[in-house]
Amino acid sequence: MIPGTKHEKQSTKNKNPSRVLFLNQFVPPDPAPTARLLGEVADELERRGHEIVLIGDGADYRGPKTLFGSRALREALSLLRLFFRAITVRRVDVIVCLTSPPLVPVVARLARLRHGGARLVHWAMDLYPEVAVALGEVREGSILHRLTASIMGGTYRACDGIIVLDEDMATLIRGHGAESEVLAPWPPAWQGEGDDWPLREGCEHAFTWLYSGNLGRAHEWKTLLDAQRLLEKTGLAVDLVFQGGGTEREAAVAYASSLGLTRCRWQPYAEAAVLVRSLIAADCLIATQRPETSGCLWPSKLALAMQLERPLVWVGATDGAVGRMLRGKGHLCFDPGDAAGLAAGLKDLLANAGGLPPLPDPALVRERVESLRRAGIAQMADWVEH
């Protein structure tokens, strides 16, 4: 599907097809997790006979995050482009907006006036201004904070439906006087994976724990590196691998260098065709989030990681929705700063495994991932329809 264009498909399964507009900074084929998710739901709605319009601003998820050194300028221009494109397409029946850039739900609400009161569904991937306050981009209690919170609260209450990612996010939305449905992100489609996992090349004598994906400002990484330093001091053959990129990667590389780490490796993003293979080849997977951002966003890498039968390390709010869920499934959960506890947990994991954890059955993993994916897409499409 091409942003800003219509796509018509006839189907006998829907006697009252709607014209549905998806509005987000990133749309397919961009590799952004939000682009993938909305693209899959758009495909399902199109299959059901609806007419789909995708509107993005042409941004590159893995490209520069600022314009002339200003993130605010980049996002403001993105909002203007999205608004202009949303009001210049032919009238739609439903507008589904995500949350990138910040305040895009406000743009969607204004665009609805042009579309004769179309239904407005907000699929919340992040909450603003909450996440901006948590990251120190906006001062709590400032005029900007109060103004944007008031505007967003009014927008939430004006929505015909809101979908959030966990109960912590639902609680924050409820604080604005609005109700929501909870639907966690689902894993990506199974791509290019065979029925046999690869051998762990280069890892025969090392226990590898892997951070895969974006390393952004909302992610905690210092605790991981401090724990790796403690592990290296014991002489254990344990490798910490960062696979991906993000705004914090440069700072993390510099800190690792200052610690003198010798078993910390840095790799580029894994291509979709080999992503699952790269995750399975690791012995432990990592997800992190700064506790102050709990409920403001959800670590998308968990959607796939939880299905791969690998031990998971969570460094974030241990008493939050994500921490409670992972702890209930037997995974390792630690508060940021608890490098000693994390190092001890990994030592125990390695000792109790009697070596490297066994590889899961690829056919069962593929079936589980696809089943969860299909269920999530169908649920979201149902909410958009109704």
Protein backbone atom coordinates (compact mmCIF):
# COMPACT_ATOMS: atom_id res chain seq x y z
CA MET A 1 0.00 0.00 0.00
CA ILE A 2 1.19 3.52 -0.83
CA PRO A 3 0.80 6.38 1.69
CA GLY A 4 -2.00 8.78 0.83
CA THR A 5 -3.59 6.62 -1.85
CA LYS A 6 -6.71 4.51 -1.82
CA HIS A 7 -6.92 0.77 -2.26
CA GLU A 8 -10.19 -0.87 -3.18
CA LYS A 9 -10.98 -4.55 -2.89
CA GLN A 10 -14.34 -6.26 -3.13
CA SER A 11 -15.35 -8.89 -0.58
CA THR A 12 -18.55 -10.73 0.18
CA LYS A 13 -17.60 -10.85 3.85
CA ASN A 14 -18.52 -7.23 4.52
CA LYS A 15 -21.75 -5.78 3.15
CA ASN A 16 -21.01 -2.30 4.51
CA PRO A 17 -17.39 -1.52 3.61
CA SER A 18 -15.82 1.58 5.11
CA ARG A 19 -13.06 3.87 3.95
CA VAL A 20 -10.42 3.75 6.69
CA LEU A 21 -7.53 6.21 7.07
CA PHE A 22 -4.42 5.24 9.07
CA LEU A 23 -2.43 8.25 10.25
CA ASN A 24 1.11 7.89 11.60
CA GLN A 25 4.58 9.30 11.05
CA PHE A 26 5.82 5.89 9.88
CA VAL A 27 3.91 3.66 7.46
CA PRO A 28 4.90 0.60 5.40
CA PRO A 29 7.42 -0.18 4.05
CA ASP A 30 9.33 1.68 6.79
CA PRO A 31 10.85 -0.80 9.33
CA ALA A 32 9.35 1.00 12.35
CA PRO A 33 7.42 -1.39 14.65
CA THR A 34 4.38 0.88 14.45
CA ALA A 35 4.50 0.83 10.65
CA ARG A 36 4.53 -2.95 10.66
CA LEU A 37 1.61 -3.21 13.08
CA LEU A 38 -0.65 -0.72 11.31
CA GLY A 39 0.24 -2.22 7.94
CA GLU A 40 -0.84 -5.67 9.05
CA VAL A 41 -4.17 -4.39 10.38
CA ALA A 42 -4.69 -2.36 7.19
CA ASP A 43 -4.08 -5.50 5.11
CA GLU A 44 -6.64 -7.42 7.17
CA LEU A 45 -9.25 -4.70 6.81
CA GLU A 46 -8.59 -4.53 3.09
CA ARG A 47 -9.05 -8.30 2.92
CA ARG A 48 -12.42 -7.84 4.61
CA GLY A 49 -13.49 -5.47 1.84
CA HIS A 50 -12.69 -2.06 3.32
CA GLU A 51 -10.95 0.72 1.41
CA ILE A 52 -7.65 1.73 3.01
CA VAL A 53 -5.70 4.99 2.99
CA LEU A 54 -2.25 5.14 4.61
CA ILE A 55 -0.87 8.57 5.42
CA GLY A 56 2.67 9.05 6.69
CA ASP A 57 5.17 11.85 6.33
CA GLY A 58 7.93 9.92 4.55
CA ALA A 59 10.12 9.80 7.65
CA ASP A 60 12.78 7.13 8.11
CA TYR A 61 12.53 5.36 11.47
CA ARG A 62 16.24 4.57 11.44
CA GLY A 63 17.24 7.95 10.05
CA PRO A 64 18.11 11.25 11.77
CA LYS A 65 15.88 12.15 14.73
CA THR A 66 16.38 15.90 14.39
CA LEU A 67 16.13 18.60 11.73
CA PHE A 68 18.81 21.28 11.85
CA GLY A 69 19.65 19.90 15.29
CA SER A 70 16.10 20.27 16.61
CA ARG A 71 13.82 17.32 17.35
CA ALA A 72 10.92 19.70 18.07
CA LEU A 73 11.24 21.28 14.60
CA ARG A 74 11.28 17.88 12.94
CA GLU A 75 8.14 16.75 14.77
CA ALA A 76 6.30 20.04 14.20
CA LEU A 77 6.88 19.86 10.45
CA SER A 78 5.78 16.24 10.49
CA LEU A 79 2.50 17.20 12.17
CA LEU A 80 1.89 19.88 9.54
CA ARG A 81 2.51 17.45 6.69
CA LEU A 82 0.24 14.83 8.22
CA PHE A 83 -2.55 17.37 8.79
CA PHE A 84 -2.38 18.69 5.24
CA ARG A 85 -2.43 15.19 3.78
CA ALA A 86 -5.25 14.08 6.07
CA ILE A 87 -7.55 16.94 5.05
CA THR A 88 -6.84 16.71 1.34
CA VAL A 89 -7.77 13.06 0.76
CA ARG A 90 -11.29 12.04 -0.19
CA ARG A 91 -13.69 11.70 2.75
CA VAL A 92 -13.21 8.66 4.99
CA ASP A 93 -15.48 6.90 7.48
CA VAL A 94 -12.88 5.96 10.12
CA ILE A 95 -9.60 7.56 11.18
CA VAL A 96 -7.12 5.36 13.04
CA CYS A 97 -4.23 7.36 14.46
CA LEU A 98 -1.18 6.14 16.32
CA THR A 99 1.13 8.36 18.40
CA SER A 100 4.08 9.39 16.28
CA PRO A 101 4.90 12.23 16.16
CA PRO A 102 3.65 13.55 19.52
CA LEU A 103 0.19 15.15 19.33
CA VAL A 104 -0.79 13.34 16.13
CA PRO A 105 -4.12 12.35 17.80
CA VAL A 106 -4.88 16.08 17.97
CA VAL A 107 -4.22 16.33 14.23
CA ALA A 108 -6.52 13.35 13.67
CA ARG A 109 -9.26 14.99 15.76
CA LEU A 110 -9.03 18.20 13.72
CA ALA A 111 -8.96 16.26 10.45
CA ARG A 112 -12.14 14.49 11.49
CA LEU A 113 -14.01 17.78 11.03
CA ARG A 114 -13.08 17.71 7.35
CA HIS A 115 -14.33 14.12 7.09
CA GLY A 116 -17.83 14.76 8.36
CA GLY A 117 -17.41 13.39 11.85
CA ALA A 118 -15.67 10.13 10.95
CA ARG A 119 -15.15 7.68 13.80
CA LEU A 120 -11.85 8.32 15.56
CA VAL A 121 -9.85 5.38 16.93
CA HIS A 122 -6.61 6.07 18.76
CA TRP A 123 -4.09 3.22 18.90
CA ALA A 124 -1.77 4.45 21.64
CA MET A 125 1.83 3.30 21.30
CA ASP A 126 3.18 6.08 23.53
CA LEU A 127 1.55 8.64 25.80
CA TYR A 128 2.41 12.31 25.50
CA PRO A 129 3.20 14.50 27.32
CA GLU A 130 3.81 11.80 29.96
CA VAL A 131 6.79 10.22 28.21
CA ALA A 132 8.31 13.64 27.44
CA VAL A 133 8.08 14.55 31.13
CA ALA A 134 9.57 11.19 32.14
CA LEU A 135 12.54 11.70 29.82
CA GLY A 136 13.12 15.28 30.94
CA GLU A 137 12.16 16.83 27.61
CA VAL A 138 9.29 18.77 29.22
CA ARG A 139 9.37 20.06 32.79
CA GLU A 140 6.62 18.61 34.96
CA GLY A 141 4.07 21.25 35.93
CA SER A 142 5.28 23.72 33.30
CA ILE A 143 2.84 25.64 31.11
CA LEU A 144 3.75 23.38 28.18
CA HIS A 145 3.08 20.28 30.27
CA ARG A 146 -0.28 21.49 31.54
CA LEU A 147 -1.37 22.74 28.12
CA THR A 148 -0.49 19.57 26.21
CA ALA A 149 -1.96 17.36 28.94
CA SER A 150 -5.23 19.30 28.74
CA ILE A 151 -5.32 19.09 24.94
CA MET A 152 -4.53 15.37 24.93
CA GLY A 153 -7.09 14.70 27.67
CA GLY A 154 -9.78 16.36 25.59
CA THR A 155 -8.68 14.37 22.56
CA TYR A 156 -8.85 11.08 24.45
CA ARG A 157 -12.38 11.87 25.61
CA ALA A 158 -13.37 12.74 22.04
CA CYS A 159 -12.23 9.38 20.66
CA ASP A 160 -14.73 6.69 19.76
CA GLY A 161 -12.23 4.04 20.79
CA ILE A 162 -8.78 3.85 22.39
CA ILE A 163 -6.48 0.85 22.26
CA VAL A 164 -3.55 0.70 24.72
CA LEU A 165 -0.68 -1.74 25.22
CA ASP A 166 -0.94 -2.71 28.91
CA GLU A 167 -2.81 -2.04 32.14
CA ASP A 168 -0.37 0.67 33.24
CA MET A 169 -1.18 2.62 30.08
CA ALA A 170 -4.89 2.04 30.60
CA THR A 171 -4.56 3.52 34.10
CA LEU A 172 -2.90 6.67 32.74
CA ILE A 173 -5.61 7.05 30.08
CA ARG A 174 -8.26 6.62 32.76
CA GLY A 175 -6.65 9.55 34.59
CA HIS A 176 -7.69 11.70 31.60
CA GLY A 177 -11.30 10.60 32.00
CA ALA A 178 -11.31 8.08 29.15
CA GLU A 179 -11.62 4.30 28.95
CA SER A 180 -9.59 1.98 26.73
CA GLU A 181 -9.11 -1.59 25.55
CA VAL A 182 -5.83 -3.43 26.18
CA LEU A 183 -4.04 -5.23 23.35
CA ALA A 184 -0.31 -5.93 23.57
CA PRO A 185 1.69 -5.80 20.32
CA TRP A 186 1.99 -9.10 18.47
CA PRO A 187 5.15 -10.59 16.94
CA PRO A 188 6.22 -9.84 13.36
CA ALA A 189 5.40 -12.25 10.55
CA TRP A 190 7.63 -15.27 10.19
CA GLN A 191 10.05 -14.37 7.38
CA GLY A 192 12.73 -16.42 5.71
CA GLU A 193 13.09 -18.87 8.58
CA GLY A 194 13.81 -22.53 7.84
CA ASP A 195 12.85 -25.54 9.91
CA ASP A 196 16.31 -25.87 11.42
CA TRP A 197 18.06 -23.38 13.65
CA PRO A 198 21.63 -22.46 12.81
CA LEU A 199 24.54 -23.60 14.92
CA ARG A 200 25.73 -20.99 17.40
CA GLU A 201 28.71 -19.94 15.36
CA GLY A 202 31.36 -18.35 17.51
CA CYS A 203 29.39 -19.00 20.68
CA GLU A 204 30.33 -22.64 21.41
CA HIS A 205 32.15 -21.70 24.61
CA ALA A 206 30.30 -18.52 25.59
CA PHE A 207 26.95 -17.81 27.17
CA THR A 208 25.47 -14.95 25.14
CA TRP A 209 22.87 -12.49 26.35
CA LEU A 210 21.45 -10.31 23.61
CA TYR A 211 19.83 -6.88 23.41
CA SER A 212 18.19 -6.64 19.98
CA GLY A 213 16.48 -3.61 18.46
CA ASN A 214 16.37 0.10 19.12
CA LEU A 215 18.38 1.51 22.03
CA GLY A 216 16.57 4.76 22.70
CA ARG A 217 16.23 7.27 25.51
CA ALA A 218 13.51 5.27 27.22
CA HIS A 219 15.75 2.21 27.49
CA GLU A 220 18.09 1.38 30.37
CA TRP A 221 21.53 0.16 29.34
CA LYS A 222 24.02 1.18 32.06
CA THR A 223 22.90 -1.65 34.36
CA LEU A 224 23.59 -4.18 31.60
CA LEU A 225 27.14 -2.95 31.08
CA ASP A 226 27.86 -2.75 34.81
CA ALA A 227 26.64 -6.35 35.21
CA GLN A 228 28.81 -7.46 32.28
CA ARG A 229 31.82 -5.89 33.99
CA LEU A 230 31.12 -7.94 37.12
CA LEU A 231 30.79 -11.11 35.05
CA GLU A 232 34.03 -10.46 33.19
CA LYS A 233 35.85 -9.96 36.50
CA THR A 234 34.88 -13.53 37.48
CA GLY A 235 36.44 -14.91 34.30
CA LEU A 236 33.22 -16.49 33.04
CA ALA A 237 32.83 -16.89 29.28
CA VAL A 238 29.80 -14.60 28.98
CA ASP A 239 29.23 -12.26 26.02
CA LEU A 240 26.91 -9.24 26.00
CA VAL A 241 25.73 -8.38 22.47
CA PHE A 242 23.87 -5.27 21.35
CA GLN A 243 22.15 -5.80 17.98
CA GLY A 244 20.60 -2.69 16.47
CA GLY A 245 20.98 1.06 16.81
CA GLY A 246 19.29 4.06 18.38
CA THR A 247 20.01 7.42 19.93
CA GLU A 248 21.68 5.91 23.03
CA ARG A 249 24.00 3.51 21.25
CA GLU A 250 26.92 5.95 20.98
CA ALA A 251 26.75 6.74 24.69
CA ALA A 252 26.52 3.06 25.55
CA VAL A 253 29.55 2.22 23.39
CA ALA A 254 31.54 4.97 25.10
CA TYR A 255 30.57 3.73 28.57
CA ALA A 256 31.47 0.13 27.67
CA SER A 257 34.86 1.35 26.52
CA SER A 258 35.38 3.27 29.77
CA LEU A 259 34.72 0.04 31.70
CA GLY A 260 37.30 -1.81 29.65
CA LEU A 261 34.87 -4.54 28.60
CA THR A 262 36.36 -7.21 26.37
CA ARG A 263 33.30 -9.40 25.79
CA CYS A 264 30.78 -6.76 24.74
CA ARG A 265 29.95 -6.77 21.01
CA TRP A 266 28.05 -4.29 18.84
CA GLN A 267 26.17 -5.40 15.74
CA PRO A 268 23.82 -3.69 13.23
CA TYR A 269 20.07 -4.30 13.08
CA ALA A 270 19.20 -7.84 12.03
CA GLU A 271 17.35 -8.11 8.74
CA ALA A 272 13.80 -9.45 9.00
CA ALA A 273 14.73 -12.68 7.24
CA VAL A 274 17.28 -13.62 9.92
CA LEU A 275 15.88 -11.88 13.01
CA VAL A 276 14.39 -14.98 14.64
CA ARG A 277 17.52 -17.00 13.92
CA SER A 278 19.67 -14.35 15.59
CA LEU A 279 17.46 -14.32 18.68
CA ILE A 280 17.33 -18.11 18.96
CA ALA A 281 21.12 -18.27 18.69
CA ALA A 282 21.38 -16.26 21.94
CA ASP A 283 21.08 -17.95 25.31
CA CYS A 284 19.26 -15.10 27.04
CA LEU A 285 17.31 -12.13 25.62
CA ILE A 286 17.14 -8.65 27.12
CA ALA A 287 14.42 -6.01 27.35
CA THR A 288 14.75 -2.78 29.30
CA GLN A 289 12.76 0.35 30.09
CA ARG A 290 13.37 3.27 32.39
CA PRO A 291 10.85 2.90 35.26
CA GLU A 292 9.65 6.49 34.99
CA THR A 293 8.27 5.67 31.54
CA SER A 294 6.07 2.79 32.77
CA GLY A 295 2.67 3.01 31.12
CA CYS A 296 3.95 5.56 28.60
CA LEU A 297 5.19 2.97 26.11
CA TRP A 298 5.79 -0.78 25.74
CA PRO A 299 9.02 -2.52 24.65
CA SER A 300 7.96 -3.96 21.29
CA LYS A 301 10.80 -6.51 21.24
CA LEU A 302 8.98 -8.49 23.96
CA ALA A 303 6.20 -9.52 21.57
CA LEU A 304 8.55 -11.88 19.75
CA ALA A 305 11.05 -12.61 22.51
CA MET A 306 8.42 -14.11 24.82
CA GLN A 307 7.55 -16.75 22.21
CA LEU A 308 11.06 -18.12 21.63
CA GLU A 309 11.56 -20.25 24.75
CA ARG A 310 14.64 -18.29 25.74
CA PRO A 311 15.24 -16.90 29.24
CA LEU A 312 14.47 -13.20 29.42
CA VAL A 313 16.15 -10.48 31.43
CA TRP A 314 13.96 -7.48 32.24
CA VAL A 315 15.60 -4.34 33.62
CA GLY A 316 12.86 -1.87 34.43
CA ALA A 317 10.00 -1.34 36.86
CA THR A 318 9.73 -4.73 38.55
CA ASP A 319 6.34 -3.77 40.04
CA GLY A 320 4.90 -2.48 36.73
CA ALA A 321 2.63 -4.35 34.33
CA VAL A 322 5.53 -5.69 32.22
CA GLY A 323 7.60 -6.70 35.24
CA ARG A 324 4.68 -8.50 36.86
CA MET A 325 3.89 -10.35 33.64
CA LEU A 326 7.47 -11.51 33.08
CA ARG A 327 8.05 -12.43 36.71
CA GLY A 328 4.88 -14.54 36.57
CA LYS A 329 6.37 -16.45 33.63
CA GLY A 330 9.58 -17.18 35.52
CA HIS A 331 11.85 -14.64 33.83
CA LEU A 332 14.56 -12.57 35.53
CA CYS A 333 13.47 -9.07 36.59
CA PHE A 334 15.72 -6.41 38.10
CA ASP A 335 15.45 -2.75 38.97
CA PRO A 336 17.80 -0.37 37.13
CA GLY A 337 21.04 -0.02 39.07
CA ASP A 338 20.96 -3.56 40.45
CA ALA A 339 23.98 -4.72 38.45
CA ALA A 340 25.11 -7.08 41.21
CA GLY A 341 21.72 -8.80 41.34
CA LEU A 342 21.63 -9.06 37.56
CA ALA A 343 25.13 -10.57 37.39
CA ALA A 344 24.22 -13.07 40.11
CA GLY A 345 21.01 -13.97 38.28
CA LEU A 346 22.90 -14.66 35.07
CA LYS A 347 25.44 -16.81 36.92
CA ASP A 348 22.61 -18.87 38.38
CA LEU A 349 20.94 -19.13 34.98
CA LEU A 350 24.14 -20.43 33.42
CA ALA A 351 24.77 -22.87 36.26
CA ASN A 352 21.19 -24.21 36.37
CA ALA A 353 21.12 -24.67 32.60
CA GLY A 354 24.11 -27.00 32.85
CA GLY A 355 25.63 -25.13 29.95
CA LEU A 356 23.76 -23.62 27.04
CA PRO A 357 19.92 -23.73 27.03
CA PRO A 358 18.52 -26.22 24.49
CA LEU A 359 17.14 -24.94 21.20
CA PRO A 360 13.32 -24.99 20.93
CA ASP A 361 11.37 -26.87 18.29
CA PRO A 362 11.24 -24.43 15.32
CA ALA A 363 7.91 -25.73 14.00
CA LEU A 364 6.22 -25.19 17.37
CA VAL A 365 7.71 -21.71 17.76
CA ARG A 366 6.62 -20.72 14.27
CA GLU A 367 3.09 -22.00 14.89
CA ARG A 368 2.86 -20.14 18.22
CA VAL A 369 4.16 -16.87 16.75
CA GLU A 370 1.80 -17.01 13.79
CA SER A 371 -1.19 -17.89 15.94
CA LEU A 372 -0.57 -14.96 18.29
CA ARG A 373 0.00 -12.64 15.34
CA ARG A 374 -3.23 -13.63 13.59
CA ALA A 375 -5.24 -13.25 16.79
CA GLY A 376 -3.87 -9.77 17.50
CA ILE A 377 -4.47 -8.52 13.97
CA ALA A 378 -8.02 -9.86 13.95
CA GLN A 379 -8.82 -8.30 17.33
CA MET A 380 -7.56 -4.88 16.28
CA ALA A 381 -9.40 -5.07 12.95
CA ASP A 382 -12.62 -5.97 14.79
CA TRP A 383 -12.29 -2.87 16.99
CA VAL A 384 -11.69 -0.64 13.97
CA GLU A 385 -14.77 -2.07 12.27
CA HIS A 386 -17.03 -1.59 15.27
